[in-house]
């Protein structure tokens, strides 16, 4: 039974419990068929969902994988390994490429760049960190905050790719324009 609210704002649907469960499963199954994502499981395995198919990737064997993400075109996986480097794994070529030390990496909206931080700590707090931009082909590595007087952390691109947003260790939020 459905109860409609005027002006197309909200539609509340009440279904019997069994019908609700069936409907939710159908909706999730339909969404999963189109899912493209990279994530970690509870054992820190690198899991890739490509068009709904689940695959344990683990290109470096059993490691502590961190910060996985699928490229915007769903052909590559970006990830870091704890205590090691950041990598891009090409799902088509089944090859990996090292990007060097880069924490909390993320893709640019066009997939041509990766941004992350090169951070250091004393076990309790960050002691220094810079925002690093790396071309997805690994040919260019640019320190964007080399002369920035604060500890720069956790960068990401704006959805249109025209700005980079990051924060300081004090919680201040900053943005810089891309060219």
Foldseek 3Di string as FASTA:
>chain_A
DKDDDPPPPDIDDDDPPVVVVVVVVVVVVVVLQCDFWWDADPQQFIWTRHSNDIDRLPLVPRFNKDQWTAALVSQWIWIATVPWFIWIAGNVVRDIDTLGHFPNWDAQLVRQKIKGKRWDDPVPATPAIFIWIATPVNPDIDTPCPPPPFHWHNWDADNVRQKIWTAGSVGHIDIDGDD
